[in-house]
């Protein structure tokens, strides 16, 4: 799936300036992550389970 076909979104906590943010897009197999400041750079993908562990860890910090 190409980057342009994905539905990218940012956290509702992101500021209106759009800096220092990441965007995520969900697919059936993974969660794709990219830098919102330079969307032309490659994204990376992580399995849903890994993303859930990451978000759970960050929520505890």
C-alpha atoms as a PDB file:
ATOM      1  CA  UNK A   1       0.000   0.000   0.000  1.00  0.00           C
ATOM      2  CA  UNK A   2       1.446   3.369  -0.940  1.00  0.00           C
ATOM      3  CA  UNK A   3       1.771   6.258   1.483  1.00  0.00           C
ATOM      4  CA  UNK A   4      -0.814   8.294  -0.409  1.00  0.00           C
ATOM      5  CA  UNK A   5      -3.423   5.548  -0.063  1.00  0.00           C
ATOM      6  CA  UNK A   6      -3.189   5.503   3.724  1.00  0.00           C
ATOM      7  CA  UNK A   7      -5.433   7.611   5.973  1.00  0.00           C
ATOM      8  CA  UNK A   8      -2.883   9.434   8.151  1.00  0.00           C
ATOM      9  CA  UNK A   9      -3.877  11.174  11.376  1.00  0.00           C
ATOM     10  CA  UNK A  10      -2.262  12.951  14.327  1.00  0.00           C
ATOM     11  CA  UNK A  11      -3.114  12.912  17.983  1.00  0.00           C
ATOM     12  CA  UNK A  12      -5.765  15.355  19.130  1.00  0.00           C
ATOM     13  CA  UNK A  13      -3.069  16.616  21.529  1.00  0.00           C
ATOM     14  CA  UNK A  14      -0.978  17.882  18.609  1.00  0.00           C
ATOM     15  CA  UNK A  15      -0.729  21.627  18.296  1.00  0.00           C
ATOM     16  CA  UNK A  16      -2.027  23.586  15.345  1.00  0.00           C
ATOM     17  CA  UNK A  17       1.558  24.408  14.262  1.00  0.00           C
ATOM     18  CA  UNK A  18       2.106  20.822  13.107  1.00  0.00           C
ATOM     19  CA  UNK A  19       5.670  20.649  14.356  1.00  0.00           C
ATOM     20  CA  UNK A  20       7.246  17.848  16.376  1.00  0.00           C
ATOM     21  CA  UNK A  21       4.458  15.404  15.623  1.00  0.00           C
ATOM     22  CA  UNK A  22       4.134  11.960  14.218  1.00  0.00           C
ATOM     23  CA  UNK A  23       1.256  10.699  12.133  1.00  0.00           C
ATOM     24  CA  UNK A  24      -0.097   7.168  12.146  1.00  0.00           C
ATOM     25  CA  UNK A  25      -2.128   5.155   9.677  1.00  0.00           C
ATOM     26  CA  UNK A  26      -3.765   1.819  10.403  1.00  0.00           C
ATOM     27  CA  UNK A  27      -3.693  -1.132   8.052  1.00  0.00           C
ATOM     28  CA  UNK A  28      -4.929  -4.664   8.547  1.00  0.00           C
ATOM     29  CA  UNK A  29      -1.425  -5.877   9.313  1.00  0.00           C
ATOM     30  CA  UNK A  30       0.325  -2.944  10.996  1.00  0.00           C
ATOM     31  CA  UNK A  31       0.392   0.605  12.293  1.00  0.00           C
ATOM     32  CA  UNK A  32       2.423   2.883  10.013  1.00  0.00           C
ATOM     33  CA  UNK A  33       4.256   5.844  11.554  1.00  0.00           C
ATOM     34  CA  UNK A  34       5.802   8.875   9.851  1.00  0.00           C
ATOM     35  CA  UNK A  35       7.217  12.302  10.646  1.00  0.00           C
ATOM     36  CA  UNK A  36       4.559  14.947  10.043  1.00  0.00           C
ATOM     37  CA  UNK A  37       7.196  17.593   9.254  1.00  0.00           C
ATOM     38  CA  UNK A  38       8.523  15.659   6.246  1.00  0.00           C
ATOM     39  CA  UNK A  39       5.919  13.284   4.850  1.00  0.00           C
ATOM     40  CA  UNK A  40       8.110  12.518   1.831  1.00  0.00           C
ATOM     41  CA  UNK A  41      10.493  10.496   3.995  1.00  0.00           C
ATOM     42  CA  UNK A  42       9.820   6.780   4.413  1.00  0.00           C
ATOM     43  CA  UNK A  43       7.480   5.624   7.151  1.00  0.00           C
ATOM     44  CA  UNK A  44       7.960   2.562   9.316  1.00  0.00           C
ATOM     45  CA  UNK A  45       5.429  -0.054  10.295  1.00  0.00           C
ATOM     46  CA  UNK A  46       4.972  -1.969  13.516  1.00  0.00           C
ATOM     47  CA  UNK A  47       2.585  -4.814  14.330  1.00  0.00           C
ATOM     48  CA  UNK A  48      -0.601  -3.839  16.157  1.00  0.00           C
ATOM     49  CA  UNK A  49       0.566  -5.687  19.285  1.00  0.00           C
ATOM     50  CA  UNK A  50       3.856  -3.773  19.359  1.00  0.00           C
ATOM     51  CA  UNK A  51       2.047  -0.461  18.921  1.00  0.00           C
ATOM     52  CA  UNK A  52      -0.329  -1.324  21.778  1.00  0.00           C
ATOM     53  CA  UNK A  53       2.631  -2.103  24.065  1.00  0.00           C
ATOM     54  CA  UNK A  54       4.344   1.165  23.083  1.00  0.00           C
ATOM     55  CA  UNK A  55       1.231   3.273  23.718  1.00  0.00           C
ATOM     56  CA  UNK A  56       0.628   1.479  27.026  1.00  0.00           C
ATOM     57  CA  UNK A  57       4.201   2.197  28.113  1.00  0.00           C
ATOM     58  CA  UNK A  58       3.994   5.869  27.154  1.00  0.00           C
ATOM     59  CA  UNK A  59       0.700   6.252  29.032  1.00  0.00           C
ATOM     60  CA  UNK A  60       2.406   5.050  32.223  1.00  0.00           C
ATOM     61  CA  UNK A  61       5.286   7.535  31.987  1.00  0.00           C
END
